[in-house]
Amino acid sequence: MRQDIADLASVLGGKVKNSDTRPGIRFRGGEIDPQGQSFGLIVRKLRANGFGNNSALDHPEGFSLQMRFEDGLWYHVIVNYNDPNQVNAYGWPLNPDATTPLITIHCHATDPSGWTHFVDEVKHKLFK
């Protein structure tokens, strides 16, 4: 997983800031510093490398994308908005050329937009 995060940071032209891949953490992942790149450019790079949209509503800080890697793990990436108050109804910033402050990535064992993940989230919120 650490290598997946490092590889993604490299593809995006960013640097890994933090990563937490210790056992026992619900969704292990990390943070990528986008090195001054725009929101729109990062999203285009992710899509060009196979990431698709993620319909999760639990990340209002940014735009969500996801992809299943060759090792079978799903990665959920959030490209943070420069200003979360300047976003249209489709979840797209009014100025996509603005610098994105942060990219976060975390790992899932199942499709982060799928039914299994939804049921897991509900169970976690009800019985944690």
C-alpha atoms as a PDB file:
ATOM      1  CA  MET A   1       0.000   0.000   0.000  1.00  0.00           C
ATOM      2  CA  ARG A   2       2.826   2.425   0.785  1.00  0.00           C
ATOM      3  CA  GLN A   3       4.260   1.761  -2.654  1.00  0.00           C
ATOM      4  CA  ASP A   4       0.857   2.341  -4.301  1.00  0.00           C
ATOM      5  CA  ILE A   5       0.599   5.732  -2.574  1.00  0.00           C
ATOM      6  CA  ALA A   6       4.172   6.659  -3.515  1.00  0.00           C
ATOM      7  CA  ASP A   7       3.576   5.578  -7.123  1.00  0.00           C
ATOM      8  CA  LEU A   8       0.410   7.652  -7.345  1.00  0.00           C
ATOM      9  CA  ALA A   9       2.180  10.702  -5.899  1.00  0.00           C
ATOM     10  CA  SER A  10       4.888  10.298  -8.536  1.00  0.00           C
ATOM     11  CA  VAL A  11       2.377   9.976 -11.395  1.00  0.00           C
ATOM     12  CA  LEU A  12       0.605  13.113 -10.175  1.00  0.00           C
ATOM     13  CA  GLY A  13       3.827  15.070  -9.793  1.00  0.00           C
ATOM     14  CA  GLY A  14       3.288  15.441  -6.047  1.00  0.00           C
ATOM     15  CA  LYS A  15       5.010  14.300  -2.872  1.00  0.00           C
ATOM     16  CA  VAL A  16       3.757  12.050  -0.089  1.00  0.00           C
ATOM     17  CA  LYS A  17       3.243  14.196   3.008  1.00  0.00           C
ATOM     18  CA  ASN A  18       1.868  11.690   5.477  1.00  0.00           C
ATOM     19  CA  SER A  19       0.823   8.100   5.309  1.00  0.00           C
ATOM     20  CA  ASP A  20      -0.660   5.839   7.899  1.00  0.00           C
ATOM     21  CA  THR A  21      -0.671   2.189   6.942  1.00  0.00           C
ATOM     22  CA  ARG A  22      -0.597   0.695  10.444  1.00  0.00           C
ATOM     23  CA  PRO A  23      -2.830  -2.335  11.053  1.00  0.00           C
ATOM     24  CA  GLY A  24      -6.018  -1.564  12.940  1.00  0.00           C
ATOM     25  CA  ILE A  25      -6.740   1.706  11.158  1.00  0.00           C
ATOM     26  CA  ARG A  26     -10.094   1.497   9.437  1.00  0.00           C
ATOM     27  CA  PHE A  27      -9.064   3.051   6.116  1.00  0.00           C
ATOM     28  CA  ARG A  28      -5.321   3.235   5.740  1.00  0.00           C
ATOM     29  CA  GLY A  29      -3.958   5.878   3.427  1.00  0.00           C
ATOM     30  CA  GLY A  30      -2.060   9.097   3.129  1.00  0.00           C
ATOM     31  CA  GLU A  31      -1.806  12.672   1.983  1.00  0.00           C
ATOM     32  CA  ILE A  32      -0.152  13.936  -1.168  1.00  0.00           C
ATOM     33  CA  ASP A  33       1.151  17.489  -1.550  1.00  0.00           C
ATOM     34  CA  PRO A  34       0.174  18.511  -5.121  1.00  0.00           C
ATOM     35  CA  GLN A  35       3.170  20.865  -5.389  1.00  0.00           C
ATOM     36  CA  GLY A  36       1.135  23.881  -6.520  1.00  0.00           C
ATOM     37  CA  GLN A  37      -0.853  22.139  -9.267  1.00  0.00           C
ATOM     38  CA  SER A  38      -4.415  23.076 -10.103  1.00  0.00           C
ATOM     39  CA  PHE A  39      -7.477  21.119  -9.105  1.00  0.00           C
ATOM     40  CA  GLY A  40      -8.421  20.549 -12.751  1.00  0.00           C
ATOM     41  CA  LEU A  41      -4.970  19.284 -13.730  1.00  0.00           C
ATOM     42  CA  ILE A  42      -4.873  16.750 -10.880  1.00  0.00           C
ATOM     43  CA  VAL A  43      -8.347  15.436 -11.765  1.00  0.00           C
ATOM     44  CA  ARG A  44      -7.337  15.119 -15.451  1.00  0.00           C
ATOM     45  CA  LYS A  45      -4.194  13.194 -14.455  1.00  0.00           C
ATOM     46  CA  LEU A  46      -6.201  10.833 -12.251  1.00  0.00           C
ATOM     47  CA  ARG A  47      -8.746  10.171 -14.998  1.00  0.00           C
ATOM     48  CA  ALA A  48      -5.973   9.637 -17.556  1.00  0.00           C
ATOM     49  CA  ASN A  49      -4.584   6.937 -15.243  1.00  0.00           C
ATOM     50  CA  GLY A  50      -7.861   5.028 -14.900  1.00  0.00           C
ATOM     51  CA  PHE A  51      -9.615   6.703 -11.966  1.00  0.00           C
ATOM     52  CA  GLY A  52     -13.365   7.177 -12.225  1.00  0.00           C
ATOM     53  CA  ASN A  53     -15.840   9.243 -10.269  1.00  0.00           C
ATOM     54  CA  ASN A  54     -16.847   8.176  -6.763  1.00  0.00           C
ATOM     55  CA  SER A  55     -20.393   8.956  -5.650  1.00  0.00           C
ATOM     56  CA  ALA A  56     -19.682   9.032  -1.897  1.00  0.00           C
ATOM     57  CA  LEU A  57     -21.114  12.060  -0.152  1.00  0.00           C
ATOM     58  CA  ASP A  58     -18.933  11.807   2.942  1.00  0.00           C
ATOM     59  CA  HIS A  59     -16.080  13.977   1.639  1.00  0.00           C
ATOM     60  CA  PRO A  60     -17.372  17.540   1.221  1.00  0.00           C
ATOM     61  CA  GLU A  61     -13.803  18.847   1.309  1.00  0.00           C
ATOM     62  CA  GLY A  62     -13.136  17.728  -2.250  1.00  0.00           C
ATOM     63  CA  PHE A  63     -13.939  15.809  -5.403  1.00  0.00           C
ATOM     64  CA  SER A  64     -13.837  12.006  -5.081  1.00  0.00           C
ATOM     65  CA  LEU A  65     -12.440   9.497  -7.543  1.00  0.00           C
ATOM     66  CA  GLN A  66     -11.723   5.795  -7.214  1.00  0.00           C
ATOM     67  CA  MET A  67      -9.915   2.916  -8.869  1.00  0.00           C
ATOM     68  CA  ARG A  68      -9.224  -0.749  -8.261  1.00  0.00           C
ATOM     69  CA  PHE A  69      -5.503  -1.469  -8.405  1.00  0.00           C
ATOM     70  CA  GLU A  70      -3.918  -4.660  -9.734  1.00  0.00           C
ATOM     71  CA  ASP A  71      -3.472  -5.982  -6.182  1.00  0.00           C
ATOM     72  CA  GLY A  72      -7.279  -6.003  -5.764  1.00  0.00           C
ATOM     73  CA  LEU A  73      -7.419  -3.050  -3.380  1.00  0.00           C
ATOM     74  CA  TRP A  74      -9.631  -0.073  -4.117  1.00  0.00           C
ATOM     75  CA  TYR A  75      -8.244   3.418  -3.655  1.00  0.00           C
ATOM     76  CA  HIS A  76     -10.452   6.397  -2.953  1.00  0.00           C
ATOM     77  CA  VAL A  77      -8.797   9.722  -3.780  1.00  0.00           C
ATOM     78  CA  ILE A  78     -10.131  13.115  -2.732  1.00  0.00           C
ATOM     79  CA  VAL A  79      -8.806  16.170  -4.555  1.00  0.00           C
ATOM     80  CA  ASN A  80      -9.440  18.965  -2.093  1.00  0.00           C
ATOM     81  CA  TYR A  81     -11.154  22.149  -3.206  1.00  0.00           C
ATOM     82  CA  ASN A  82      -9.234  25.393  -2.874  1.00  0.00           C
ATOM     83  CA  ASP A  83     -12.419  26.903  -1.397  1.00  0.00           C
ATOM     84  CA  PRO A  84     -15.216  24.453  -0.472  1.00  0.00           C
ATOM     85  CA  ASN A  85     -17.698  27.363  -0.535  1.00  0.00           C
ATOM     86  CA  GLN A  86     -17.003  28.021  -4.234  1.00  0.00           C
ATOM     87  CA  VAL A  87     -18.332  24.767  -5.717  1.00  0.00           C
ATOM     88  CA  ASN A  88     -21.220  24.269  -8.145  1.00  0.00           C
ATOM     89  CA  ALA A  89     -24.097  21.804  -7.739  1.00  0.00           C
ATOM     90  CA  TYR A  90     -22.100  19.099  -9.581  1.00  0.00           C
ATOM     91  CA  GLY A  91     -19.251  19.164  -7.066  1.00  0.00           C
ATOM     92  CA  TRP A  92     -16.935  21.070  -9.384  1.00  0.00           C
ATOM     93  CA  PRO A  93     -15.096  24.209  -8.224  1.00  0.00           C
ATOM     94  CA  LEU A  94     -16.083  27.486  -9.831  1.00  0.00           C
ATOM     95  CA  ASN A  95     -12.387  27.980 -10.607  1.00  0.00           C
ATOM     96  CA  PRO A  96     -10.848  24.591 -11.508  1.00  0.00           C
ATOM     97  CA  ASP A  97      -7.575  26.363 -12.346  1.00  0.00           C
ATOM     98  CA  ALA A  98      -7.097  27.292  -8.676  1.00  0.00           C
ATOM     99  CA  THR A  99      -4.388  25.400  -6.820  1.00  0.00           C
ATOM    100  CA  THR A 100      -5.573  22.382  -4.876  1.00  0.00           C
ATOM    101  CA  PRO A 101      -4.174  22.406  -1.333  1.00  0.00           C
ATOM    102  CA  LEU A 102      -4.160  18.650  -0.740  1.00  0.00           C
ATOM    103  CA  ILE A 103      -4.888  15.232  -2.190  1.00  0.00           C
ATOM    104  CA  THR A 104      -5.902  12.472   0.205  1.00  0.00           C
ATOM    105  CA  ILE A 105      -5.969   8.781  -0.596  1.00  0.00           C
ATOM    106  CA  HIS A 106      -7.251   5.842   1.386  1.00  0.00           C
ATOM    107  CA  CYS A 107      -7.648   2.167   0.754  1.00  0.00           C
ATOM    108  CA  HIS A 108     -10.777  -0.001   0.720  1.00  0.00           C
ATOM    109  CA  ALA A 109     -11.147  -3.746   0.427  1.00  0.00           C
ATOM    110  CA  THR A 110     -14.408  -3.264  -1.504  1.00  0.00           C
ATOM    111  CA  ASP A 111     -15.722  -0.821  -4.113  1.00  0.00           C
ATOM    112  CA  PRO A 112     -16.039   2.493  -2.203  1.00  0.00           C
ATOM    113  CA  SER A 113     -19.202   3.302  -4.184  1.00  0.00           C
ATOM    114  CA  GLY A 114     -20.646  -0.201  -3.908  1.00  0.00           C
ATOM    115  CA  TRP A 115     -23.369  -1.737  -1.801  1.00  0.00           C
ATOM    116  CA  THR A 116     -20.973  -3.691   0.455  1.00  0.00           C
ATOM    117  CA  HIS A 117     -19.145  -0.503   1.405  1.00  0.00           C
ATOM    118  CA  PHE A 118     -22.441   1.305   2.054  1.00  0.00           C
ATOM    119  CA  VAL A 119     -23.641  -1.457   4.395  1.00  0.00           C
ATOM    120  CA  ASP A 120     -20.251  -1.450   6.172  1.00  0.00           C
ATOM    121  CA  GLU A 121     -20.495   2.326   6.698  1.00  0.00           C
ATOM    122  CA  VAL A 122     -24.002   2.054   8.147  1.00  0.00           C
ATOM    123  CA  LYS A 123     -22.919  -0.737  10.516  1.00  0.00           C
ATOM    124  CA  HIS A 124     -19.882   1.279  11.602  1.00  0.00           C
ATOM    125  CA  LYS A 125     -21.962   4.392  12.332  1.00  0.00           C
ATOM    126  CA  LEU A 126     -24.611   2.428  14.231  1.00  0.00           C
ATOM    127  CA  PHE A 127     -22.410   0.035  16.207  1.00  0.00           C
ATOM    128  CA  LYS A 128     -19.006   1.663  16.645  1.00  0.00           C
END
